[in-house]
PDB file of N, CA and C in Angstrom:
ATOM      1  N   GLY A   1    -171.406 -82.360  82.099  1.00  0.00           N
ATOM      2  CA  GLY A   1    -170.516 -82.862  81.228  1.00  0.00           C
ATOM      3  C   GLY A   1    -169.170 -82.068  81.741  1.00  0.00           C
ATOM      4  N   VAL A   2    -168.251 -82.450  81.085  1.00  0.00           N
ATOM      5  CA  VAL A   2    -166.756 -81.859  81.402  1.00  0.00           C
ATOM      6  C   VAL A   2    -166.320 -80.895  80.359  1.00  0.00           C
ATOM      7  N   PRO A   3    -166.047 -79.538  80.511  1.00  0.00           N
ATOM      8  CA  PRO A   3    -165.687 -78.604  79.293  1.00  0.00           C
ATOM      9  C   PRO A   3    -164.539 -79.522  78.526  1.00  0.00           C
ATOM     10  N   GLY A   4    -164.611 -79.414  77.253  1.00  0.00           N
ATOM     11  CA  GLY A   4    -163.547 -79.892  76.189  1.00  0.00           C
ATOM     12  C   GLY A   4    -163.726 -81.694  76.064  1.00  0.00           C
ATOM     13  N   VAL A   5    -164.647 -81.958  76.697  1.00  0.00           N
ATOM     14  CA  VAL A   5    -164.862 -83.555  76.271  1.00  0.00           C
ATOM     15  C   VAL A   5    -166.222 -83.977  75.886  1.00  0.00           C
ATOM     16  N   PHE A   6    -166.378 -84.700  74.771  1.00  0.00           N
ATOM     17  CA  PHE A   6    -167.365 -85.078  73.911  1.00  0.00           C
ATOM     18  C   PHE A   6    -168.492 -85.508  75.081  1.00  0.00           C
ATOM     19  N   PRO A   7    -169.701 -84.957  74.893  1.00  0.00           N
ATOM     20  CA  PRO A   7    -170.923 -85.402  75.886  1.00  0.00           C
ATOM     21  C   PRO A   7    -170.970 -86.805  75.893  1.00  0.00           C
ATOM     22  N   GLU A   8    -171.652 -87.339  77.303  1.00  0.00           N
ATOM     23  CA  GLU A   8    -171.794 -88.848  77.566  1.00  0.00           C
ATOM     24  C   GLU A   8    -173.349 -89.072  77.614  1.00  0.00           C
ATOM     25  N   PRO A   9    -173.903 -89.666  76.625  1.00  0.00           N
ATOM     26  CA  PRO A   9    -175.431 -89.717  76.355  1.00  0.00           C
ATOM     27  C   PRO A   9    -175.936 -90.206  77.821  1.00  0.00           C
ATOM     28  N   GLN A  10    -175.322 -90.721  78.749  1.00  0.00           N
ATOM     29  CA  GLN A  10    -175.673 -91.362  80.094  1.00  0.00           C
ATOM     30  C   GLN A  10    -176.082 -89.889  81.150  1.00  0.00           C
ATOM     31  N   THR A  11    -175.336 -88.918  80.755  1.00  0.00           N
ATOM     32  CA  THR A  11    -175.147 -87.675  81.596  1.00  0.00           C
ATOM     33  C   THR A  11    -175.533 -86.535  80.885  1.00  0.00           C
ATOM     34  N   ASP A  12    -175.397 -86.339  79.698  1.00  0.00           N
ATOM     35  CA  ASP A  12    -175.683 -85.053  78.822  1.00  0.00           C
ATOM     36  C   ASP A  12    -176.665 -85.248  78.099  1.00  0.00           C
ATOM     37  N   PRO A  13    -177.950 -84.633  78.036  1.00  0.00           N
ATOM     38  CA  PRO A  13    -178.950 -84.834  77.386  1.00  0.00           C
ATOM     39  C   PRO A  13    -178.977 -84.278  76.014  1.00  0.00           C
ATOM     40  N   VAL A  14    -179.646 -84.615  75.130  1.00  0.00           N
ATOM     41  CA  VAL A  14    -179.852 -83.683  73.755  1.00  0.00           C
ATOM     42  C   VAL A  14    -180.785 -82.757  74.211  1.00  0.00           C
ATOM     43  N   ILE A  15    -180.493 -81.498  73.886  1.00  0.00           N
ATOM     44  CA  ILE A  15    -181.489 -80.598  74.295  1.00  0.00           C
ATOM     45  C   ILE A  15    -181.983 -79.817  73.150  1.00  0.00           C
ATOM     46  N   ALA A  16    -181.237 -80.229  71.607  1.00  0.00           N
ATOM     47  CA  ALA A  16    -182.088 -79.409  70.589  1.00  0.00           C
ATOM     48  C   ALA A  16    -181.622 -80.013  69.229  1.00  0.00           C
ATOM     49  N   ILE A  17    -182.410 -80.084  68.506  1.00  0.00           N
ATOM     50  CA  ILE A  17    -182.177 -80.779  67.183  1.00  0.00           C
ATOM     51  C   ILE A  17    -182.541 -79.447  65.910  1.00  0.00           C
ATOM     52  N   ALA A  18    -181.661 -79.137  64.996  1.00  0.00           N
ATOM     53  CA  ALA A  18    -182.005 -78.264  64.143  1.00  0.00           C
ATOM     54  C   ALA A  18    -182.017 -78.968  62.799  1.00  0.00           C
ATOM     55  N   ALA A  19    -182.932 -78.534  61.771  1.00  0.00           N
ATOM     56  CA  ALA A  19    -182.969 -79.101  60.630  1.00  0.00           C
ATOM     57  C   ALA A  19    -183.639 -78.083  59.342  1.00  0.00           C
ATOM     58  N   VAL A  20    -182.755 -77.932  58.374  1.00  0.00           N
ATOM     59  CA  VAL A  20    -183.093 -76.963  57.290  1.00  0.00           C
ATOM     60  C   VAL A  20    -183.091 -77.756  56.204  1.00  0.00           C
ATOM     61  N   ALA A  21    -184.282 -77.681  55.225  1.00  0.00           N
ATOM     62  CA  ALA A  21    -184.472 -78.459  54.189  1.00  0.00           C
ATOM     63  C   ALA A  21    -184.516 -77.345  52.785  1.00  0.00           C
ATOM     64  N   LEU A  22    -183.595 -77.744  52.029  1.00  0.00           N
ATOM     65  CA  LEU A  22    -183.473 -76.850  50.826  1.00  0.00           C
ATOM     66  C   LEU A  22    -183.527 -77.916  49.558  1.00  0.00           C
ATOM     67  N   ARG A  23    -184.601 -77.199  48.630  1.00  0.00           N
ATOM     68  CA  ARG A  23    -184.641 -78.129  47.184  1.00  0.00           C
ATOM     69  C   ARG A  23    -183.682 -77.880  46.411  1.00  0.00           C
ATOM     70  N   GLN A  24    -183.122 -78.822  45.687  1.00  0.00           N
ATOM     71  CA  GLN A  24    -181.947 -78.564  44.807  1.00  0.00           C
ATOM     72  C   GLN A  24    -182.240 -77.426  43.832  1.00  0.00           C
ATOM     73  N   GLY A  25    -181.185 -76.365  43.552  1.00  0.00           N
ATOM     74  CA  GLY A  25    -181.253 -75.590  42.938  1.00  0.00           C
ATOM     75  C   GLY A  25    -181.966 -74.150  43.622  1.00  0.00           C
ATOM     76  N   ALA A  26    -182.591 -74.422  44.658  1.00  0.00           N
ATOM     77  CA  ALA A  26    -183.396 -73.000  45.116  1.00  0.00           C
ATOM     78  C   ALA A  26    -182.500 -72.191  46.149  1.00  0.00           C
ATOM     79  N   ARG A  27    -182.654 -71.055  46.237  1.00  0.00           N
ATOM     80  CA  ARG A  27    -181.626 -70.276  46.926  1.00  0.00           C
ATOM     81  C   ARG A  27    -182.160 -70.370  48.463  1.00  0.00           C
ATOM     82  N   GLU A  28    -183.457 -70.548  48.672  1.00  0.00           N
ATOM     83  CA  GLU A  28    -183.965 -70.438  50.258  1.00  0.00           C
ATOM     84  C   GLU A  28    -184.542 -71.709  50.481  1.00  0.00           C
ATOM     85  N   PRO A  29    -184.091 -72.003  51.860  1.00  0.00           N
ATOM     86  CA  PRO A  29    -184.770 -73.275  52.422  1.00  0.00           C
ATOM     87  C   PRO A  29    -186.412 -73.227  52.354  1.00  0.00           C
ATOM     88  N   PHE A  30    -186.866 -74.314  52.330  1.00  0.00           N
ATOM     89  CA  PHE A  30    -188.422 -74.232  52.289  1.00  0.00           C
ATOM     90  C   PHE A  30    -188.954 -74.790  53.607  1.00  0.00           C
ATOM     91  N   LEU A  31    -187.711 -75.141  54.463  1.00  0.00           N
ATOM     92  CA  LEU A  31    -188.036 -75.747  55.940  1.00  0.00           C
ATOM     93  C   LEU A  31    -186.860 -75.587  56.678  1.00  0.00           C
ATOM     94  N   ARG A  32    -187.359 -74.836  57.826  1.00  0.00           N
ATOM     95  CA  ARG A  32    -186.491 -74.560  59.291  1.00  0.00           C
ATOM     96  C   ARG A  32    -187.165 -74.779  60.398  1.00  0.00           C
ATOM     97  N   VAL A  33    -186.559 -75.688  60.831  1.00  0.00           N
ATOM     98  CA  VAL A  33    -187.484 -76.305  62.139  1.00  0.00           C
ATOM     99  C   VAL A  33    -186.287 -76.686  63.110  1.00  0.00           C
ATOM    100  N   VAL A  34    -186.636 -76.386  64.395  1.00  0.00           N
ATOM    101  CA  VAL A  34    -185.807 -76.841  65.681  1.00  0.00           C
ATOM    102  C   VAL A  34    -186.774 -77.440  66.669  1.00  0.00           C
ATOM    103  N   PHE A  35    -186.091 -78.620  67.228  1.00  0.00           N
ATOM    104  CA  PHE A  35    -186.748 -79.535  67.974  1.00  0.00           C
ATOM    105  C   PHE A  35    -186.141 -79.310  69.472  1.00  0.00           C
ATOM    106  N   THR A  36    -186.780 -78.766  70.414  1.00  0.00           N
ATOM    107  CA  THR A  36    -185.826 -78.716  71.554  1.00  0.00           C
ATOM    108  C   THR A  36    -186.611 -79.430  72.836  1.00  0.00           C
ATOM    109  N   LEU A  37    -185.699 -79.702  73.866  1.00  0.00           N
ATOM    110  CA  LEU A  37    -186.242 -80.203  75.063  1.00  0.00           C
ATOM    111  C   LEU A  37    -186.699 -79.223  75.794  1.00  0.00           C
ATOM    112  N   LEU A  38    -187.823 -79.283  76.351  1.00  0.00           N
ATOM    113  CA  LEU A  38    -188.467 -78.404  77.147  1.00  0.00           C
ATOM    114  C   LEU A  38    -188.791 -77.002  76.228  1.00  0.00           C
ATOM    115  N   SER A  39    -189.145 -75.793  76.772  1.00  0.00           N
ATOM    116  CA  SER A  39    -189.647 -74.818  75.916  1.00  0.00           C
ATOM    117  C   SER A  39    -188.266 -73.794  75.733  1.00  0.00           C
ATOM    118  N   CYS A  40    -188.558 -73.064  74.582  1.00  0.00           N
ATOM    119  CA  CYS A  40    -187.448 -72.338  73.885  1.00  0.00           C
ATOM    120  C   CYS A  40    -188.216 -71.118  73.396  1.00  0.00           C
ATOM    121  N   ALA A  41    -187.535 -69.977  73.291  1.00  0.00           N
ATOM    122  CA  ALA A  41    -188.033 -68.684  72.969  1.00  0.00           C
ATOM    123  C   ALA A  41    -188.270 -68.883  71.361  1.00  0.00           C
ATOM    124  N   PRO A  42    -189.041 -67.773  70.788  1.00  0.00           N
ATOM    125  CA  PRO A  42    -189.415 -68.123  69.466  1.00  0.00           C
ATOM    126  C   PRO A  42    -188.136 -67.915  68.521  1.00  0.00           C
ATOM    127  N   LEU A  43    -187.920 -68.270  67.476  1.00  0.00           N
ATOM    128  CA  LEU A  43    -186.888 -68.107  66.520  1.00  0.00           C
ATOM    129  C   LEU A  43    -187.284 -67.741  65.189  1.00  0.00           C
ATOM    130  N   ARG A  44    -186.992 -66.433  64.899  1.00  0.00           N
ATOM    131  CA  ARG A  44    -187.417 -65.834  63.675  1.00  0.00           C
ATOM    132  C   ARG A  44    -186.858 -66.810  62.287  1.00  0.00           C
ATOM    133  N   GLY A  45    -188.132 -66.856  61.580  1.00  0.00           N
ATOM    134  CA  GLY A  45    -187.796 -67.859  60.489  1.00  0.00           C
ATOM    135  C   GLY A  45    -187.775 -69.510  60.663  1.00  0.00           C
ATOM    136  N   ALA A  46    -188.024 -69.666  61.831  1.00  0.00           N
ATOM    137  CA  ALA A  46    -188.271 -71.081  62.102  1.00  0.00           C
ATOM    138  C   ALA A  46    -189.111 -71.519  62.950  1.00  0.00           C
ATOM    139  N   THR A  47    -189.626 -72.923  62.638  1.00  0.00           N
ATOM    140  CA  THR A  47    -190.577 -73.445  63.426  1.00  0.00           C
ATOM    141  C   THR A  47    -189.973 -74.012  64.729  1.00  0.00           C
ATOM    142  N   VAL A  48    -190.470 -73.840  65.818  1.00  0.00           N
ATOM    143  CA  VAL A  48    -190.063 -74.587  67.024  1.00  0.00           C
ATOM    144  C   VAL A  48    -191.194 -75.552  67.736  1.00  0.00           C
ATOM    145  N   ARG A  49    -190.558 -76.524  68.039  1.00  0.00           N
ATOM    146  CA  ARG A  49    -191.208 -77.852  68.549  1.00  0.00           C
ATOM    147  C   ARG A  49    -190.605 -78.118  69.716  1.00  0.00           C
ATOM    148  N   SER A  50    -191.160 -78.096  70.746  1.00  0.00           N
ATOM    149  CA  SER A  50    -190.834 -78.351  72.093  1.00  0.00           C
ATOM    150  C   SER A  50    -191.328 -79.753  72.815  1.00  0.00           C
ATOM    151  N   PHE A  51    -190.472 -80.439  73.139  1.00  0.00           N
ATOM    152  CA  PHE A  51    -191.006 -81.752  73.862  1.00  0.00           C
ATOM    153  C   PHE A  51    -190.533 -81.874  75.277  1.00  0.00           C
ATOM    154  N   GLN A  52    -191.373 -82.515  76.084  1.00  0.00           N
ATOM    155  CA  GLN A  52    -191.128 -82.805  77.770  1.00  0.00           C
ATOM    156  C   GLN A  52    -190.082 -83.871  77.900  1.00  0.00           C
ATOM    157  N   SER A  53    -189.867 -84.771  77.052  1.00  0.00           N
ATOM    158  CA  SER A  53    -188.721 -85.614  77.437  1.00  0.00           C
ATOM    159  C   SER A  53    -187.671 -85.979  76.283  1.00  0.00           C
ATOM    160  N   GLU A  54    -186.294 -86.157  76.607  1.00  0.00           N
ATOM    161  CA  GLU A  54    -185.452 -86.566  75.721  1.00  0.00           C
ATOM    162  C   GLU A  54    -185.815 -87.583  74.625  1.00  0.00           C
ATOM    163  N   ARG A  55    -186.599 -88.548  75.128  1.00  0.00           N
ATOM    164  CA  ARG A  55    -187.088 -89.581  74.396  1.00  0.00           C
ATOM    165  C   ARG A  55    -188.179 -89.003  73.238  1.00  0.00           C
ATOM    166  N   ASP A  56    -188.902 -88.527  73.633  1.00  0.00           N
ATOM    167  CA  ASP A  56    -189.942 -87.841  72.641  1.00  0.00           C
ATOM    168  C   ASP A  56    -189.270 -86.916  71.621  1.00  0.00           C
ATOM    169  N   LEU A  57    -188.223 -86.057  71.940  1.00  0.00           N
ATOM    170  CA  LEU A  57    -187.544 -85.433  71.258  1.00  0.00           C
ATOM    171  C   LEU A  57    -186.650 -86.117  70.136  1.00  0.00           C
ATOM    172  N   LEU A  58    -186.044 -87.332  70.584  1.00  0.00           N
ATOM    173  CA  LEU A  58    -185.250 -87.915  69.748  1.00  0.00           C
ATOM    174  C   LEU A  58    -186.102 -88.865  68.602  1.00  0.00           C
ATOM    175  N   GLN A  59    -187.295 -89.124  69.047  1.00  0.00           N
ATOM    176  CA  GLN A  59    -188.161 -89.645  68.137  1.00  0.00           C
ATOM    177  C   GLN A  59    -188.974 -88.884  67.069  1.00  0.00           C
ATOM    178  N   VAL A  60    -188.854 -87.736  67.099  1.00  0.00           N
ATOM    179  CA  VAL A  60    -189.628 -86.675  66.122  1.00  0.00           C
ATOM    180  C   VAL A  60    -188.905 -86.846  64.969  1.00  0.00           C
ATOM    181  N   GLY A  61    -189.641 -86.464  63.723  1.00  0.00           N
ATOM    182  CA  GLY A  61    -189.014 -86.203  62.464  1.00  0.00           C
ATOM    183  C   GLY A  61    -188.205 -87.260  61.952  1.00  0.00           C
ATOM    184  N   GLY A  62    -188.518 -88.766  62.250  1.00  0.00           N
ATOM    185  CA  GLY A  62    -187.848 -89.696  61.374  1.00  0.00           C
ATOM    186  C   GLY A  62    -186.495 -89.916  62.199  1.00  0.00           C
ATOM    187  N   PHE A  63    -185.847 -89.159  63.191  1.00  0.00           N
ATOM    188  CA  PHE A  63    -184.647 -89.449  63.885  1.00  0.00           C
ATOM    189  C   PHE A  63    -184.455 -90.623  64.395  1.00  0.00           C
ATOM    190  N   GLY A  64    -185.507 -90.844  65.265  1.00  0.00           N
ATOM    191  CA  GLY A  64    -185.751 -92.430  65.956  1.00  0.00           C
ATOM    192  C   GLY A  64    -184.579 -92.650  66.687  1.00  0.00           C
ATOM    193  N   VAL A  65    -184.925 -93.113  68.075  1.00  0.00           N
ATOM    194  CA  VAL A  65    -183.970 -93.968  68.749  1.00  0.00           C
ATOM    195  C   VAL A  65    -183.322 -94.991  68.426  1.00  0.00           C
ATOM    196  N   LYS A  66    -184.359 -95.514  67.607  1.00  0.00           N
ATOM    197  CA  LYS A  66    -183.761 -96.847  67.064  1.00  0.00           C
ATOM    198  C   LYS A  66    -182.439 -96.916  66.106  1.00  0.00           C
ATOM    199  N   ASN A  67    -182.420 -95.457  65.804  1.00  0.00           N
ATOM    200  CA  ASN A  67    -181.128 -95.512  64.789  1.00  0.00           C
ATOM    201  C   ASN A  67    -180.324 -94.259  65.179  1.00  0.00           C
ATOM    202  N   PRO A  68    -179.802 -94.076  66.230  1.00  0.00           N
ATOM    203  CA  PRO A  68    -179.190 -92.921  66.855  1.00  0.00           C
ATOM    204  C   PRO A  68    -178.163 -92.416  65.790  1.00  0.00           C
ATOM    205  N   ASP A  69    -177.565 -92.975  64.799  1.00  0.00           N
ATOM    206  CA  ASP A  69    -176.691 -92.578  64.102  1.00  0.00           C
ATOM    207  C   ASP A  69    -177.102 -91.744  62.709  1.00  0.00           C
ATOM    208  N   PHE A  70    -177.920 -91.158  62.842  1.00  0.00           N
ATOM    209  CA  PHE A  70    -178.349 -90.213  61.852  1.00  0.00           C
ATOM    210  C   PHE A  70    -177.640 -89.149  61.495  1.00  0.00           C
TER     211      PHE A  70
END
């Protein structure tokens, strides 16, 4: 990609998706998860799931490539 320019899907892969889930009224999240392309160092307090392809990464957790506008 080019610095300062929005990533292009044809050349700039998605490398990570992070999600935090919080129950209404709770102070702390009950879920912290990071989905990564290839491996990643452990992240304290989060579950890390690594995938070998961008396609697999995007299909995890209901994000789905069928609806990329999540």
